[in-house]
PDB file of all heavy atoms in Angstrom:
ATOM      1  N   LEU A   1       5.119   7.220  -0.233  1.00  0.00           N
ATOM      2  CA  LEU A   1       5.437   6.489   0.910  1.00  0.00           C
ATOM      3  C   LEU A   1       5.595   7.263   2.148  1.00  0.00           C
ATOM      4  O   LEU A   1       5.148   6.936   3.296  1.00  0.00           O
ATOM      5  CB  LEU A   1       6.426   5.452   0.797  1.00  0.00           C
ATOM      6  CG  LEU A   1       6.312   4.473  -0.537  1.00  0.00           C
ATOM      7  CD1 LEU A   1       7.418   3.460  -0.370  1.00  0.00           C
ATOM      8  CD2 LEU A   1       5.023   3.711  -0.160  1.00  0.00           C
ATOM      9  N   ALA A   2       6.205   8.375   1.933  1.00  0.00           N
ATOM     10  CA  ALA A   2       6.639   9.300   3.204  1.00  0.00           C
ATOM     11  C   ALA A   2       5.326   9.799   3.829  1.00  0.00           C
ATOM     12  O   ALA A   2       5.225   9.869   4.982  1.00  0.00           O
ATOM     13  CB  ALA A   2       7.518  10.489   2.698  1.00  0.00           C
ATOM     14  N   SER A   3       4.375  10.179   2.998  1.00  0.00           N
ATOM     15  CA  SER A   3       3.160  10.730   3.517  1.00  0.00           C
ATOM     16  C   SER A   3       2.293   9.555   4.137  1.00  0.00           C
ATOM     17  O   SER A   3       1.637   9.849   5.351  1.00  0.00           O
ATOM     18  CB  SER A   3       2.276  11.388   2.415  1.00  0.00           C
ATOM     19  OG  SER A   3       2.861  12.544   2.038  1.00  0.00           O
ATOM     20  N   PHE A   4       2.262   8.432   3.669  1.00  0.00           N
ATOM     21  CA  PHE A   4       1.637   7.300   4.335  1.00  0.00           C
ATOM     22  C   PHE A   4       2.211   6.948   5.714  1.00  0.00           C
ATOM     23  O   PHE A   4       1.611   6.859   6.749  1.00  0.00           O
ATOM     24  CB  PHE A   4       1.617   6.160   3.471  1.00  0.00           C
ATOM     25  CG  PHE A   4       0.689   6.092   2.328  1.00  0.00           C
ATOM     26  CD1 PHE A   4       1.199   6.257   0.992  1.00  0.00           C
ATOM     27  CD2 PHE A   4      -0.747   6.044   2.457  1.00  0.00           C
ATOM     28  CE1 PHE A   4       0.423   6.288  -0.050  1.00  0.00           C
ATOM     29  CE2 PHE A   4      -1.462   6.111   1.354  1.00  0.00           C
ATOM     30  CZ  PHE A   4      -1.020   6.191   0.109  1.00  0.00           C
ATOM     31  N   ALA A   5       3.526   7.038   5.722  1.00  0.00           N
ATOM     32  CA  ALA A   5       4.269   6.877   7.059  1.00  0.00           C
ATOM     33  C   ALA A   5       4.004   8.004   7.974  1.00  0.00           C
ATOM     34  O   ALA A   5       3.869   7.762   9.211  1.00  0.00           O
ATOM     35  CB  ALA A   5       5.741   6.724   6.696  1.00  0.00           C
ATOM     36  N   ARG A   6       3.894   9.236   7.463  1.00  0.00           N
ATOM     37  CA  ARG A   6       3.553  10.443   8.312  1.00  0.00           C
ATOM     38  C   ARG A   6       2.315  10.205   8.996  1.00  0.00           C
ATOM     39  O   ARG A   6       2.121  10.392  10.253  1.00  0.00           O
ATOM     40  CB  ARG A   6       3.497  11.649   7.523  1.00  0.00           C
ATOM     41  CG  ARG A   6       2.920  12.981   8.034  1.00  0.00           C
ATOM     42  CD  ARG A   6       3.289  14.075   7.227  1.00  0.00           C
ATOM     43  NE  ARG A   6       2.933  14.035   5.881  1.00  0.00           N
ATOM     44  CZ  ARG A   6       1.701  14.362   5.460  1.00  0.00           C
ATOM     45  NH1 ARG A   6       0.856  14.859   6.221  1.00  0.00           N
ATOM     46  NH2 ARG A   6       1.497  14.307   4.065  1.00  0.00           N
ATOM     47  N   TYR A   7       1.353   9.815   8.167  1.00  0.00           N
ATOM     48  CA  TYR A   7      -0.096   9.484   8.808  1.00  0.00           C
ATOM     49  C   TYR A   7      -0.026   8.387   9.827  1.00  0.00           C
ATOM     50  O   TYR A   7      -0.707   8.472  10.887  1.00  0.00           O
ATOM     51  CB  TYR A   7      -1.111   9.325   7.792  1.00  0.00           C
ATOM     52  CG  TYR A   7      -1.682  10.663   7.204  1.00  0.00           C
ATOM     53  CD1 TYR A   7      -1.269  11.040   5.886  1.00  0.00           C
ATOM     54  CD2 TYR A   7      -2.591  11.397   7.868  1.00  0.00           C
ATOM     55  CE1 TYR A   7      -1.748  12.226   5.400  1.00  0.00           C
ATOM     56  CE2 TYR A   7      -3.102  12.457   7.337  1.00  0.00           C
ATOM     57  CZ  TYR A   7      -2.678  13.015   6.163  1.00  0.00           C
ATOM     58  OH  TYR A   7      -3.212  14.171   5.557  1.00  0.00           O
ATOM     59  N   GLY A   8       0.739   7.426   9.378  1.00  0.00           N
ATOM     60  CA  GLY A   8       0.881   6.156  10.348  1.00  0.00           C
ATOM     61  C   GLY A   8       1.402   6.547  11.655  1.00  0.00           C
ATOM     62  O   GLY A   8       0.979   6.108  12.729  1.00  0.00           O
ATOM     63  N   ALA A   9       2.408   7.467  11.644  1.00  0.00           N
ATOM     64  CA  ALA A   9       3.030   7.742  12.836  1.00  0.00           C
ATOM     65  C   ALA A   9       2.096   8.721  13.673  1.00  0.00           C
ATOM     66  O   ALA A   9       2.178   8.642  14.929  1.00  0.00           O
ATOM     67  CB  ALA A   9       4.309   8.649  12.574  1.00  0.00           C
ATOM     68  N   GLY A  10       1.201   9.467  13.232  1.00  0.00           N
ATOM     69  CA  GLY A  10       0.237  10.222  13.818  1.00  0.00           C
ATOM     70  C   GLY A  10      -1.055   9.517  14.314  1.00  0.00           C
ATOM     71  O   GLY A  10      -1.737  10.010  14.992  1.00  0.00           O
ATOM     72  N   GLY A  11      -1.181   8.411  13.740  1.00  0.00           N
ATOM     73  CA  GLY A  11      -2.383   7.616  14.201  1.00  0.00           C
ATOM     74  C   GLY A  11      -3.426   7.475  13.157  1.00  0.00           C
ATOM     75  O   GLY A  11      -3.971   8.642  12.759  1.00  0.00           O
ATOM     76  N   VAL A  12      -3.772   6.407  12.590  1.00  0.00           N
ATOM     77  CA  VAL A  12      -4.858   6.272  11.637  1.00  0.00           C
ATOM     78  C   VAL A  12      -5.900   5.353  12.171  1.00  0.00           C
ATOM     79  O   VAL A  12      -5.802   4.348  12.607  1.00  0.00           O
ATOM     80  CB  VAL A  12      -4.239   5.648  10.276  1.00  0.00           C
ATOM     81  CG1 VAL A  12      -5.396   5.270   9.317  1.00  0.00           C
ATOM     82  CG2 VAL A  12      -3.295   6.532   9.623  1.00  0.00           C
ATOM     83  N   LEU A  13      -7.214   5.975  12.143  1.00  0.00           N
ATOM     84  CA  LEU A  13      -8.344   5.211  12.583  1.00  0.00           C
ATOM     85  C   LEU A  13      -8.667   3.926  11.761  1.00  0.00           C
ATOM     86  O   LEU A  13      -8.926   2.909  12.167  1.00  0.00           O
ATOM     87  CB  LEU A  13      -9.549   6.220  12.578  1.00  0.00           C
ATOM     88  CG  LEU A  13     -10.842   5.498  13.010  1.00  0.00           C
ATOM     89  CD1 LEU A  13     -10.852   5.037  14.476  1.00  0.00           C
ATOM     90  CD2 LEU A  13     -12.097   6.423  12.750  1.00  0.00           C
ATOM     91  N   ALA A  14      -8.602   4.114  10.382  1.00  0.00           N
ATOM     92  CA  ALA A  14      -9.045   2.985   9.530  1.00  0.00           C
ATOM     93  C   ALA A  14      -8.353   3.268   8.139  1.00  0.00           C
ATOM     94  O   ALA A  14      -8.116   4.239   7.726  1.00  0.00           O
ATOM     95  CB  ALA A  14     -10.532   2.882   9.240  1.00  0.00           C
ATOM     96  N   LEU A  15      -8.129   2.080   7.524  1.00  0.00           N
ATOM     97  CA  LEU A  15      -7.459   1.927   6.272  1.00  0.00           C
ATOM     98  C   LEU A  15      -8.353   1.217   5.359  1.00  0.00           C
ATOM     99  O   LEU A  15      -8.811  -0.005   5.623  1.00  0.00           O
ATOM    100  CB  LEU A  15      -6.157   1.285   6.297  1.00  0.00           C
ATOM    101  CG  LEU A  15      -5.478   0.916   4.870  1.00  0.00           C
ATOM    102  CD1 LEU A  15      -5.096   2.154   4.179  1.00  0.00           C
ATOM    103  CD2 LEU A  15      -4.197   0.057   5.095  1.00  0.00           C
ATOM    104  N   LEU A  16      -8.802   1.744   4.122  1.00  0.00           N
ATOM    105  CA  LEU A  16      -9.548   1.085   3.157  1.00  0.00           C
ATOM    106  C   LEU A  16      -8.501   0.858   1.999  1.00  0.00           C
ATOM    107  O   LEU A  16      -7.999   1.862   1.443  1.00  0.00           O
ATOM    108  CB  LEU A  16     -10.615   1.863   2.685  1.00  0.00           C
ATOM    109  CG  LEU A  16     -11.956   2.034   3.580  1.00  0.00           C
ATOM    110  CD1 LEU A  16     -11.706   2.719   4.837  1.00  0.00           C
ATOM    111  CD2 LEU A  16     -13.212   2.640   2.834  1.00  0.00           C
ATOM    112  N   ALA A  17      -8.218  -0.498   1.654  1.00  0.00           N
ATOM    113  CA  ALA A  17      -7.117  -0.653   0.679  1.00  0.00           C
ATOM    114  C   ALA A  17      -7.643  -1.551  -0.397  1.00  0.00           C
ATOM    115  O   ALA A  17      -8.352  -2.496  -0.144  1.00  0.00           O
ATOM    116  CB  ALA A  17      -5.912  -1.287   1.497  1.00  0.00           C
ATOM    117  N   ASP A  18      -7.009  -1.307  -1.462  1.00  0.00           N
ATOM    118  CA  ASP A  18      -7.187  -2.069  -2.817  1.00  0.00           C
ATOM    119  C   ASP A  18      -6.930  -3.567  -2.654  1.00  0.00           C
ATOM    120  O   ASP A  18      -5.685  -3.885  -2.273  1.00  0.00           O
ATOM    121  CB  ASP A  18      -6.348  -1.434  -3.958  1.00  0.00           C
ATOM    122  CG  ASP A  18      -6.422  -2.160  -5.292  1.00  0.00           C
ATOM    123  OD1 ASP A  18      -7.394  -2.983  -5.516  1.00  0.00           O
ATOM    124  OD2 ASP A  18      -5.574  -1.840  -6.097  1.00  0.00           O
ATOM    125  N   SER A  19      -7.741  -4.480  -3.036  1.00  0.00           N
ATOM    126  CA  SER A  19      -7.614  -5.853  -2.786  1.00  0.00           C
ATOM    127  C   SER A  19      -7.456  -6.657  -3.967  1.00  0.00           C
ATOM    128  O   SER A  19      -7.345  -7.916  -3.987  1.00  0.00           O
ATOM    129  CB  SER A  19      -8.824  -6.430  -2.007  1.00  0.00           C
ATOM    130  OG  SER A  19      -9.099  -5.668  -0.761  1.00  0.00           O
ATOM    131  N   THR A  20      -7.431  -5.993  -5.178  1.00  0.00           N
ATOM    132  CA  THR A  20      -7.496  -6.652  -6.460  1.00  0.00           C
ATOM    133  C   THR A  20      -6.544  -7.819  -6.609  1.00  0.00           C
ATOM    134  O   THR A  20      -6.722  -8.869  -7.074  1.00  0.00           O
ATOM    135  CB  THR A  20      -7.386  -5.778  -7.619  1.00  0.00           C
ATOM    136  OG1 THR A  20      -8.346  -4.679  -7.342  1.00  0.00           O
ATOM    137  CG2 THR A  20      -7.683  -6.345  -8.960  1.00  0.00           C
ATOM    138  N   ASN A  21      -5.259  -7.588  -6.209  1.00  0.00           N
ATOM    139  CA  ASN A  21      -4.150  -8.433  -6.484  1.00  0.00           C
ATOM    140  C   ASN A  21      -3.706  -9.212  -5.230  1.00  0.00           C
ATOM    141  O   ASN A  21      -2.610  -9.672  -5.175  1.00  0.00           O
ATOM    142  CB  ASN A  21      -2.895  -7.701  -7.093  1.00  0.00           C
ATOM    143  CG  ASN A  21      -2.894  -7.784  -8.564  1.00  0.00           C
ATOM    144  OD1 ASN A  21      -3.800  -8.268  -9.262  1.00  0.00           O
ATOM    145  ND2 ASN A  21      -1.828  -7.195  -9.297  1.00  0.00           N
ATOM    146  N   VAL A  22      -4.500  -9.381  -4.275  1.00  0.00           N
ATOM    147  CA  VAL A  22      -4.142  -9.913  -3.009  1.00  0.00           C
ATOM    148  C   VAL A  22      -3.769 -11.368  -3.105  1.00  0.00           C
ATOM    149  O   VAL A  22      -2.975 -11.930  -2.318  1.00  0.00           O
ATOM    150  CB  VAL A  22      -5.204  -9.793  -1.937  1.00  0.00           C
ATOM    151  CG1 VAL A  22      -6.459 -10.711  -2.272  1.00  0.00           C
ATOM    152  CG2 VAL A  22      -4.711 -10.022  -0.598  1.00  0.00           C
ATOM    153  N   GLU A  23      -4.205 -12.061  -4.192  1.00  0.00           N
ATOM    154  CA  GLU A  23      -3.852 -13.445  -4.404  1.00  0.00           C
ATOM    155  C   GLU A  23      -2.386 -13.535  -4.996  1.00  0.00           C
ATOM    156  O   GLU A  23      -1.941 -14.714  -5.142  1.00  0.00           O
ATOM    157  CB  GLU A  23      -4.829 -14.173  -5.353  1.00  0.00           C
ATOM    158  CG  GLU A  23      -6.225 -14.241  -4.548  1.00  0.00           C
ATOM    159  CD  GLU A  23      -7.223 -14.792  -5.477  1.00  0.00           C
ATOM    160  OE1 GLU A  23      -7.327 -14.565  -6.700  1.00  0.00           O
ATOM    161  OE2 GLU A  23      -8.060 -15.691  -4.892  1.00  0.00           O
ATOM    162  N   ARG A  24      -1.848 -12.490  -5.471  1.00  0.00           N
ATOM    163  CA  ARG A  24      -0.520 -12.651  -6.118  1.00  0.00           C
ATOM    164  C   ARG A  24       0.596 -12.431  -5.060  1.00  0.00           C
ATOM    165  O   ARG A  24       0.615 -11.460  -4.379  1.00  0.00           O
ATOM    166  CB  ARG A  24      -0.377 -11.601  -7.245  1.00  0.00           C
ATOM    167  CG  ARG A  24      -1.340 -11.814  -8.428  1.00  0.00           C
ATOM    168  CD  ARG A  24      -0.913 -10.816  -9.586  1.00  0.00           C
ATOM    169  NE  ARG A  24      -1.813 -11.056 -10.739  1.00  0.00           N
ATOM    170  CZ  ARG A  24      -1.678 -10.429 -11.876  1.00  0.00           C
ATOM    171  NH1 ARG A  24      -0.618  -9.565 -12.069  1.00  0.00           N
ATOM    172  NH2 ARG A  24      -2.454 -10.697 -12.871  1.00  0.00           N
ATOM    173  N   GLU A  25       1.548 -13.319  -5.064  1.00  0.00           N
ATOM    174  CA  GLU A  25       2.664 -13.269  -4.083  1.00  0.00           C
ATOM    175  C   GLU A  25       3.674 -12.316  -4.684  1.00  0.00           C
ATOM    176  O   GLU A  25       3.715 -11.926  -5.842  1.00  0.00           O
ATOM    177  CB  GLU A  25       3.311 -14.716  -3.920  1.00  0.00           C
ATOM    178  CG  GLU A  25       2.314 -15.585  -3.292  1.00  0.00           C
ATOM    179  CD  GLU A  25       3.059 -17.078  -3.155  1.00  0.00           C
ATOM    180  OE1 GLU A  25       4.201 -17.135  -3.621  1.00  0.00           O
ATOM    181  OE2 GLU A  25       2.388 -17.840  -2.509  1.00  0.00           O
ATOM    182  N   GLY A  26       4.536 -11.778  -3.741  1.00  0.00           N
ATOM    183  CA  GLY A  26       5.641 -10.869  -4.176  1.00  0.00           C
ATOM    184  C   GLY A  26       5.179  -9.485  -4.487  1.00  0.00           C
ATOM    185  O   GLY A  26       4.336  -8.911  -3.798  1.00  0.00           O
ATOM    186  N   TYR A  27       5.909  -8.999  -5.479  1.00  0.00           N
ATOM    187  CA  TYR A  27       5.697  -7.584  -5.919  1.00  0.00           C
ATOM    188  C   TYR A  27       5.104  -7.588  -7.334  1.00  0.00           C
ATOM    189  O   TYR A  27       5.471  -8.385  -8.187  1.00  0.00           O
ATOM    190  CB  TYR A  27       7.010  -6.795  -5.905  1.00  0.00           C
ATOM    191  CG  TYR A  27       7.500  -6.689  -4.445  1.00  0.00           C
ATOM    192  CD1 TYR A  27       8.442  -7.698  -3.987  1.00  0.00           C
ATOM    193  CD2 TYR A  27       7.331  -5.561  -3.688  1.00  0.00           C
ATOM    194  CE1 TYR A  27       8.956  -7.579  -2.680  1.00  0.00           C
ATOM    195  CE2 TYR A  27       7.813  -5.585  -2.456  1.00  0.00           C
ATOM    196  CZ  TYR A  27       8.608  -6.569  -1.983  1.00  0.00           C
ATOM    197  OH  TYR A  27       9.217  -6.416  -0.669  1.00  0.00           O
ATOM    198  N   THR A  28       4.366  -6.525  -7.643  1.00  0.00           N
ATOM    199  CA  THR A  28       3.871  -6.234  -9.026  1.00  0.00           C
ATOM    200  C   THR A  28       5.073  -5.647  -9.786  1.00  0.00           C
ATOM    201  O   THR A  28       5.744  -4.772  -9.383  1.00  0.00           O
ATOM    202  CB  THR A  28       2.715  -5.395  -9.117  1.00  0.00           C
ATOM    203  OG1 THR A  28       1.645  -5.935  -8.345  1.00  0.00           O
ATOM    204  CG2 THR A  28       2.201  -5.107 -10.506  1.00  0.00           C
ATOM    205  N   LEU A  29       5.262  -6.129 -11.128  1.00  0.00           N
ATOM    206  CA  LEU A  29       6.402  -5.706 -11.912  1.00  0.00           C
ATOM    207  C   LEU A  29       6.155  -4.164 -12.207  1.00  0.00           C
ATOM    208  O   LEU A  29       4.984  -3.694 -12.416  1.00  0.00           O
ATOM    209  CB  LEU A  29       6.435  -6.422 -13.214  1.00  0.00           C
ATOM    210  CG  LEU A  29       6.800  -7.896 -13.086  1.00  0.00           C
ATOM    211  CD1 LEU A  29       6.722  -8.656 -14.401  1.00  0.00           C
ATOM    212  CD2 LEU A  29       8.182  -8.085 -12.527  1.00  0.00           C
ATOM    213  N   SER A  30       7.214  -3.432 -12.406  1.00  0.00           N
ATOM    214  CA  SER A  30       7.153  -2.159 -12.827  1.00  0.00           C
ATOM    215  C   SER A  30       6.697  -1.951 -14.233  1.00  0.00           C
ATOM    216  O   SER A  30       6.873  -2.816 -15.160  1.00  0.00           O
ATOM    217  CB  SER A  30       8.550  -1.448 -12.785  1.00  0.00           C
ATOM    218  OG  SER A  30       8.526  -0.213 -13.355  1.00  0.00           O
ATOM    219  N   GLU A  31       5.955  -0.765 -14.526  1.00  0.00           N
ATOM    220  CA  GLU A  31       5.512  -0.521 -15.861  1.00  0.00           C
ATOM    221  C   GLU A  31       6.551  -0.513 -16.837  1.00  0.00           C
ATOM    222  O   GLU A  31       6.383  -0.766 -17.912  1.00  0.00           O
ATOM    223  CB  GLU A  31       4.692   0.775 -15.765  1.00  0.00           C
ATOM    224  CG  GLU A  31       4.214   1.371 -17.029  1.00  0.00           C
ATOM    225  CD  GLU A  31       3.127   0.421 -17.740  1.00  0.00           C
ATOM    226  OE1 GLU A  31       2.450  -0.281 -17.032  1.00  0.00           O
ATOM    227  OE2 GLU A  31       3.044   0.496 -19.080  1.00  0.00           O
ATOM    228  N   ARG A  32       7.822  -0.139 -16.467  1.00  0.00           N
ATOM    229  CA  ARG A  32       8.974  -0.069 -17.379  1.00  0.00           C
ATOM    230  C   ARG A  32       9.243  -1.468 -18.069  1.00  0.00           C
ATOM    231  O   ARG A  32       9.847  -1.424 -19.119  1.00  0.00           O
ATOM    232  CB  ARG A  32      10.210   0.432 -16.644  1.00  0.00           C
ATOM    233  CG  ARG A  32      10.235   1.928 -16.302  1.00  0.00           C
ATOM    234  CD  ARG A  32      11.574   2.497 -15.774  1.00  0.00           C
ATOM    235  NE  ARG A  32      11.455   3.819 -15.450  1.00  0.00           N
ATOM    236  CZ  ARG A  32      11.672   4.783 -16.274  1.00  0.00           C
ATOM    237  NH1 ARG A  32      12.055   4.560 -17.438  1.00  0.00           N
ATOM    238  NH2 ARG A  32      11.685   6.141 -15.766  1.00  0.00           N
ATOM    239  N   VAL A  33       8.823  -2.535 -17.397  1.00  0.00           N
ATOM    240  CA  VAL A  33       9.053  -3.758 -17.947  1.00  0.00           C
ATOM    241  C   VAL A  33       8.435  -3.910 -19.377  1.00  0.00           C
ATOM    242  O   VAL A  33       8.901  -4.535 -20.243  1.00  0.00           O
ATOM    243  CB  VAL A  33       8.567  -4.924 -16.954  1.00  0.00           C
ATOM    244  CG1 VAL A  33       8.477  -6.218 -17.717  1.00  0.00           C
ATOM    245  CG2 VAL A  33       9.380  -4.931 -15.724  1.00  0.00           C
TER     246      VAL A  33
END
């Protein structure tokens, strides 16, 4: 997350992001579950 924030602070032209679970509310459970 620190590197994503670093780029965000420097300016990002475009973000291409994974949409697979966009219909699910909240957070995805951890693999440890």
